């Protein structure tokens, strides 16, 4: 089967050589966008592309606000702080995730607690979550639950959200892998109190690095912006910082690349969906279980939406 699998993979990717696990697709649109940024002289955090890409991400996802960061881990770190997680608290998350999810919890001094995943979604199992929360009576406070949408497949958000509300716990969506994924016609990362994205080189849209928070609260958005810009108070020339914070703002150079990538998202999603269907057909009838996209929750599964245009 391995030889047949490699043969099919070479056919899909139209190559006879090594097949990259992650390969960003960079074209002329990206090159032109980056050159415009370089020519402007604004390559750090003060350039216009940073605010522009935040607006485009908010528009695409339907979030009220998007706040860019230097990477997805930074976005998770800030999300936990905005959710009120304190040192010594517990944060519940799924056992199948990238280390950044747990690292962000440790960055705020909290303790990660792991719950098994649902085999149908590869994200946190609602039954196991309820059981875990019910059994930890008298222990330290659980101050957040992080749902990571594995490989872009939406978890059972409504069920998990209901459980979190029942136990009085904020739900944070780690949507690092699910840009372009919808659940009940609503973009992942916009259900919980806060959502986070990643734009690492292995994501469907990359800025080289980079991340973002998705927020529907203007108050949390303003607080997050303050924390990610070294807590500097607004002033024309004076540098005064009213608390210890972080320099987490995305540089303009990365934002220029990301804007070009976001403009091509609909076609990238369609292409990935077509590739997935080829793998699904290959594994049909074998002992390997292929995890399907939950099509009943997807928006426009076969359609290419209007592209966002980079100005």
Protein backbone atom coordinates (compact mmCIF):
# COMPACT_ATOMS: atom_id res chain seq x y z
CA UNK A 1 0.00 0.00 0.00
CA UNK A 2 2.86 2.40 0.77
CA UNK A 3 4.18 2.21 -2.80
CA UNK A 4 0.68 2.85 -4.20
CA UNK A 5 0.22 5.75 -1.79
CA UNK A 6 3.50 7.39 -2.87
CA UNK A 7 2.53 6.93 -6.51
CA UNK A 8 -0.84 8.63 -5.96
CA UNK A 9 0.82 11.45 -4.01
CA UNK A 10 3.25 12.08 -6.87
CA UNK A 11 0.32 12.17 -9.27
CA UNK A 12 -1.59 14.66 -7.08
CA UNK A 13 1.35 17.01 -6.68
CA UNK A 14 2.68 16.50 -10.21
CA UNK A 15 6.20 15.67 -9.07
CA UNK A 16 8.56 12.72 -9.17
CA UNK A 17 10.78 14.04 -6.37
CA UNK A 18 10.32 14.58 -2.67
CA UNK A 19 6.84 15.57 -1.53
CA UNK A 20 6.94 18.44 0.94
CA UNK A 21 4.85 18.07 4.07
CA UNK A 22 4.15 21.81 4.02
CA UNK A 23 4.75 23.97 0.97
CA UNK A 24 3.46 27.56 0.87
CA UNK A 25 2.26 28.67 -2.55
CA UNK A 26 3.99 31.97 -3.34
CA UNK A 27 3.28 33.70 -6.63
CA UNK A 28 3.51 37.09 -8.33
CA UNK A 29 0.73 38.59 -6.21
CA UNK A 30 2.78 37.93 -3.07
CA UNK A 31 6.00 39.22 -4.64
CA UNK A 32 4.31 42.43 -5.76
CA UNK A 33 2.76 42.99 -2.32
CA UNK A 34 6.07 42.52 -0.50
CA UNK A 35 7.90 44.79 -2.95
CA UNK A 36 5.31 47.53 -2.36
CA UNK A 37 5.98 47.23 1.33
CA UNK A 38 9.76 47.36 0.88
CA UNK A 39 9.48 50.36 -1.43
CA UNK A 40 7.36 52.17 1.18
CA UNK A 41 10.12 51.94 3.76
CA UNK A 42 7.64 50.84 6.44
CA UNK A 43 8.67 47.25 7.16
CA UNK A 44 8.04 47.14 10.93
CA UNK A 45 4.81 47.49 12.90
CA UNK A 46 3.93 51.07 11.85
CA UNK A 47 3.01 50.28 8.23
CA UNK A 48 -0.46 50.47 6.72
CA UNK A 49 -0.67 46.77 5.78
CA UNK A 50 -1.00 45.73 9.44
CA UNK A 51 -4.28 47.52 10.01
CA UNK A 52 -5.46 46.63 6.50
CA UNK A 53 -4.95 42.89 6.94
CA UNK A 54 -6.67 42.99 10.32
CA UNK A 55 -9.71 44.54 8.66
CA UNK A 56 -9.62 41.94 5.85
CA UNK A 57 -9.38 39.02 8.31
CA UNK A 58 -12.27 40.42 10.33
CA UNK A 59 -14.30 40.79 7.14
CA UNK A 60 -13.47 37.27 5.97
CA UNK A 61 -14.22 35.56 9.30
CA UNK A 62 -17.16 37.74 10.32
CA UNK A 63 -15.48 38.68 13.61
CA UNK A 64 -16.06 42.22 14.84
CA UNK A 65 -12.31 42.69 15.36
CA UNK A 66 -9.07 40.97 14.34
CA UNK A 67 -5.86 41.79 16.20
CA UNK A 68 -2.61 40.69 14.57
CA UNK A 69 0.32 39.22 16.50
CA UNK A 70 3.84 37.98 15.73
CA UNK A 71 2.73 34.33 15.83
CA UNK A 72 -0.08 32.02 16.90
CA UNK A 73 1.48 31.26 20.29
CA UNK A 74 1.51 34.97 21.12
CA UNK A 75 -2.16 35.15 20.12
CA UNK A 76 -3.00 32.27 22.47
CA UNK A 77 -0.97 33.87 25.27
CA UNK A 78 -2.89 37.13 24.98
CA UNK A 79 -6.21 35.29 24.61
CA UNK A 80 -5.66 33.55 27.95
CA UNK A 81 -4.81 36.85 29.62
CA UNK A 82 -7.92 38.51 28.18
CA UNK A 83 -9.99 35.56 29.43
CA UNK A 84 -8.75 36.23 32.96
CA UNK A 85 -6.60 33.11 33.40
CA UNK A 86 -4.29 33.51 36.40
CA UNK A 87 -1.22 31.74 37.70
CA UNK A 88 -2.16 28.45 39.35
CA UNK A 89 -5.47 28.13 37.49
CA UNK A 90 -6.26 25.11 35.33
CA UNK A 91 -6.99 25.31 31.60
CA UNK A 92 -8.65 22.31 29.96
CA UNK A 93 -7.64 21.36 26.41
CA UNK A 94 -7.54 18.34 24.14
CA UNK A 95 -4.77 15.78 24.24
CA UNK A 96 -4.25 15.92 20.45
CA UNK A 97 -2.82 19.36 19.72
CA UNK A 98 0.39 21.24 18.94
CA UNK A 99 2.65 22.10 21.87
CA UNK A 100 1.89 25.83 21.48
CA UNK A 101 -1.56 25.33 23.01
CA UNK A 102 -0.06 24.01 26.25
CA UNK A 103 2.93 26.37 26.12
CA UNK A 104 0.63 29.41 26.10
CA UNK A 105 -1.05 28.10 29.25
CA UNK A 106 2.33 27.74 30.96
CA UNK A 107 3.30 31.27 29.84
CA UNK A 108 0.57 32.67 32.10
CA UNK A 109 1.56 30.35 34.94
CA UNK A 110 -1.51 28.15 34.60
CA UNK A 111 -1.72 24.34 34.45
CA UNK A 112 -2.86 22.49 31.30
CA UNK A 113 -5.28 19.59 31.82
CA UNK A 114 -5.86 17.22 28.92
CA UNK A 115 -9.09 15.60 27.71
CA UNK A 116 -9.43 12.95 24.98
CA UNK A 117 -10.63 13.83 21.49
CA UNK A 118 -13.71 12.72 19.57
CA UNK A 119 -12.58 10.35 16.76
CA UNK A 120 -15.08 11.90 14.34
CA UNK A 121 -13.65 15.42 14.66
CA UNK A 122 -10.19 14.89 16.24
CA UNK A 123 -11.10 17.79 18.53
CA UNK A 124 -12.09 17.76 22.21
CA UNK A 125 -14.80 15.22 23.05
CA UNK A 126 -17.84 16.91 24.68
CA UNK A 127 -18.69 13.76 26.70
CA UNK A 128 -15.14 13.53 28.07
CA UNK A 129 -15.07 17.28 28.78
CA UNK A 130 -18.25 17.15 30.87
CA UNK A 131 -16.97 14.09 32.73
CA UNK A 132 -13.61 15.75 33.42
CA UNK A 133 -15.17 18.97 34.75
CA UNK A 134 -17.69 17.11 36.91
CA UNK A 135 -15.01 14.97 38.54
CA UNK A 136 -12.64 17.75 39.65
CA UNK A 137 -14.74 19.16 42.51
CA UNK A 138 -12.66 20.92 45.17
CA UNK A 139 -9.58 21.33 42.98
CA UNK A 140 -8.02 24.54 41.64
CA UNK A 141 -10.17 26.81 39.45
CA UNK A 142 -10.68 25.92 35.80
CA UNK A 143 -10.57 29.37 34.19
CA UNK A 144 -10.74 28.46 30.47
CA UNK A 145 -11.26 25.66 27.97
CA UNK A 146 -9.32 25.66 24.69
CA UNK A 147 -10.88 23.95 21.68
CA UNK A 148 -8.41 23.34 18.84
CA UNK A 149 -9.97 22.65 15.43
CA UNK A 150 -7.65 19.85 14.30
CA UNK A 151 -6.53 20.03 10.65
CA UNK A 152 -9.25 22.62 10.08
CA UNK A 153 -12.11 20.24 10.97
CA UNK A 154 -14.53 22.12 13.25
CA UNK A 155 -15.03 20.55 16.65
CA UNK A 156 -18.50 20.12 18.14
CA UNK A 157 -18.61 23.79 19.04
CA UNK A 158 -22.22 24.17 20.18
CA UNK A 159 -22.04 21.17 22.51
CA UNK A 160 -18.72 22.33 23.95
CA UNK A 161 -19.95 25.91 24.28
CA UNK A 162 -23.03 24.70 26.19
CA UNK A 163 -20.87 22.70 28.62
CA UNK A 164 -18.52 25.63 29.19
CA UNK A 165 -21.47 27.94 29.89
CA UNK A 166 -22.92 25.38 32.31
CA UNK A 167 -19.65 25.32 34.29
CA UNK A 168 -19.01 29.08 33.92
CA UNK A 169 -15.83 28.66 31.87
CA UNK A 170 -14.78 30.87 28.92
CA UNK A 171 -14.30 28.96 25.66
CA UNK A 172 -11.22 29.90 23.63
CA UNK A 173 -11.01 28.57 20.06
CA UNK A 174 -7.54 27.71 18.81
CA UNK A 175 -8.40 28.09 15.13
CA UNK A 176 -4.74 28.05 14.02
CA UNK A 177 -5.46 25.34 11.45
CA UNK A 178 -9.01 26.30 10.49
CA UNK A 179 -8.89 29.56 8.56
CA UNK A 180 -11.64 29.09 5.96
CA UNK A 181 -13.60 26.52 8.03
CA UNK A 182 -17.23 27.11 8.92
CA UNK A 183 -19.64 25.55 11.40
CA UNK A 184 -23.36 26.17 10.89
CA UNK A 185 -22.42 28.86 8.32
CA UNK A 186 -20.27 30.71 10.85
CA UNK A 187 -16.47 30.88 10.76
CA UNK A 188 -14.52 28.96 13.37
CA UNK A 189 -12.89 31.18 15.98
CA UNK A 190 -15.97 33.43 16.30
CA UNK A 191 -18.07 31.28 18.66
CA UNK A 192 -15.99 31.37 21.82
CA UNK A 193 -15.06 34.34 23.95
CA UNK A 194 -11.88 34.65 21.88
CA UNK A 195 -10.49 32.89 18.81
CA UNK A 196 -6.89 32.68 17.61
CA UNK A 197 -5.28 32.12 14.21
CA UNK A 198 -1.78 31.22 13.02
CA UNK A 199 -0.07 32.27 9.79
CA UNK A 200 3.01 30.07 10.05
CA UNK A 201 4.55 28.70 6.85
CA UNK A 202 2.52 25.47 7.12
CA UNK A 203 -0.87 27.22 7.20
CA UNK A 204 -3.32 27.78 4.32
CA UNK A 205 -2.44 31.49 4.41
CA UNK A 206 1.03 32.42 5.61
CA UNK A 207 2.79 35.59 6.65
CA UNK A 208 6.02 33.66 7.18
CA UNK A 209 5.10 33.89 10.85
CA UNK A 210 2.25 35.75 12.44
CA UNK A 211 -1.04 35.14 14.19
CA UNK A 212 -4.23 36.95 15.13
CA UNK A 213 -6.97 37.13 17.71
CA UNK A 214 -10.63 37.14 16.65
CA UNK A 215 -12.78 39.21 19.01
CA UNK A 216 -16.40 40.30 19.12
CA UNK A 217 -15.87 42.47 22.20
CA UNK A 218 -14.58 45.98 21.53
CA UNK A 219 -13.42 46.19 25.15
CA UNK A 220 -11.30 43.03 24.84
CA UNK A 221 -9.99 44.25 21.48
CA UNK A 222 -8.75 47.52 22.99
CA UNK A 223 -7.25 45.68 25.95
CA UNK A 224 -5.53 43.20 23.63
CA UNK A 225 -4.11 45.98 21.45
CA UNK A 226 -2.71 47.67 24.56
CA UNK A 227 -1.03 44.47 25.78
CA UNK A 228 0.45 43.65 22.35
CA UNK A 229 1.97 47.13 21.90
CA UNK A 230 4.05 47.22 25.12
CA UNK A 231 1.23 48.96 27.05
CA UNK A 232 2.29 52.31 25.61
CA UNK A 233 -0.22 55.07 26.31
CA UNK A 234 -1.17 57.22 23.29
CA UNK A 235 1.03 60.31 22.91
CA UNK A 236 2.63 62.15 19.99
CA UNK A 237 6.19 61.78 21.28
CA UNK A 238 6.31 60.69 24.93
CA UNK A 239 6.99 57.06 25.77
CA UNK A 240 5.00 56.06 28.85
CA UNK A 241 4.00 52.46 29.56
CA UNK A 242 1.43 51.91 32.28
CA UNK A 243 2.13 48.19 32.88
CA UNK A 244 4.45 45.35 31.90
CA UNK A 245 3.36 44.04 28.49
CA UNK A 246 4.66 42.58 25.23
CA UNK A 247 5.87 43.66 21.81
CA UNK A 248 3.59 41.24 19.96
CA UNK A 249 2.48 43.37 17.00
CA UNK A 250 2.84 41.85 13.51
CA UNK A 251 5.46 43.62 11.32
CA UNK A 252 4.23 45.35 8.18
CA UNK A 253 6.45 43.19 5.96
CA UNK A 254 4.68 40.04 7.17
CA UNK A 255 1.30 41.74 6.87
CA UNK A 256 1.94 42.61 3.22
CA UNK A 257 2.60 38.95 2.40
CA UNK A 258 -0.44 37.88 4.40
CA UNK A 259 -2.76 40.27 2.56
CA UNK A 260 -1.80 38.66 -0.74
CA UNK A 261 -2.34 35.18 0.71
CA UNK A 262 -5.74 36.07 2.19
CA UNK A 263 -6.88 37.39 -1.20
CA UNK A 264 -6.34 33.87 -2.63
CA UNK A 265 -8.01 31.95 0.20
CA UNK A 266 -11.15 30.80 -1.66
CA UNK A 267 -9.09 29.12 -4.40
CA UNK A 268 -6.67 27.61 -1.84
CA UNK A 269 -9.56 26.06 0.08
CA UNK A 270 -11.11 24.64 -3.09
CA UNK A 271 -7.75 23.13 -4.07
CA UNK A 272 -7.19 21.55 -0.66
CA UNK A 273 -10.70 20.11 -0.71
CA UNK A 274 -10.05 18.54 -4.14
CA UNK A 275 -6.76 17.01 -2.94
CA UNK A 276 -8.45 15.61 0.17
CA UNK A 277 -11.08 13.91 -1.99
CA UNK A 278 -8.33 12.17 -3.99
CA UNK A 279 -6.81 10.79 -0.79
CA UNK A 280 -10.26 9.76 0.44
CA UNK A 281 -10.84 7.80 -2.77
CA UNK A 282 -7.43 6.15 -2.44
CA UNK A 283 -8.08 4.91 1.10
CA UNK A 284 -11.63 3.77 0.33
CA UNK A 285 -12.10 0.14 1.33
CA UNK A 286 -8.75 -0.03 3.17
CA UNK A 287 -8.11 -0.54 6.89
CA UNK A 288 -7.18 3.17 7.17
CA UNK A 289 -9.93 5.44 8.47
CA UNK A 290 -10.17 8.69 6.51
CA UNK A 291 -11.48 11.57 8.65
CA UNK A 292 -14.04 13.43 6.57
CA UNK A 293 -14.69 17.14 6.59
CA UNK A 294 -18.03 17.65 8.39
CA UNK A 295 -19.74 18.78 5.18
CA UNK A 296 -23.06 19.32 6.93
CA UNK A 297 -21.43 22.24 8.74
CA UNK A 298 -19.39 23.64 5.83
CA UNK A 299 -20.40 26.77 3.94
CA UNK A 300 -20.15 26.70 0.15
CA UNK A 301 -18.32 23.38 0.01
CA UNK A 302 -17.94 23.45 -3.77
CA UNK A 303 -18.12 27.17 -4.43
CA UNK A 304 -15.40 29.73 -4.86
CA UNK A 305 -16.35 32.86 -2.96
CA UNK A 306 -15.58 36.37 -4.13
CA UNK A 307 -11.91 37.13 -3.68
CA UNK A 308 -10.67 39.84 -1.33
CA UNK A 309 -8.64 42.29 -3.38
CA UNK A 310 -5.33 43.62 -2.09
CA UNK A 311 -5.27 47.37 -2.63
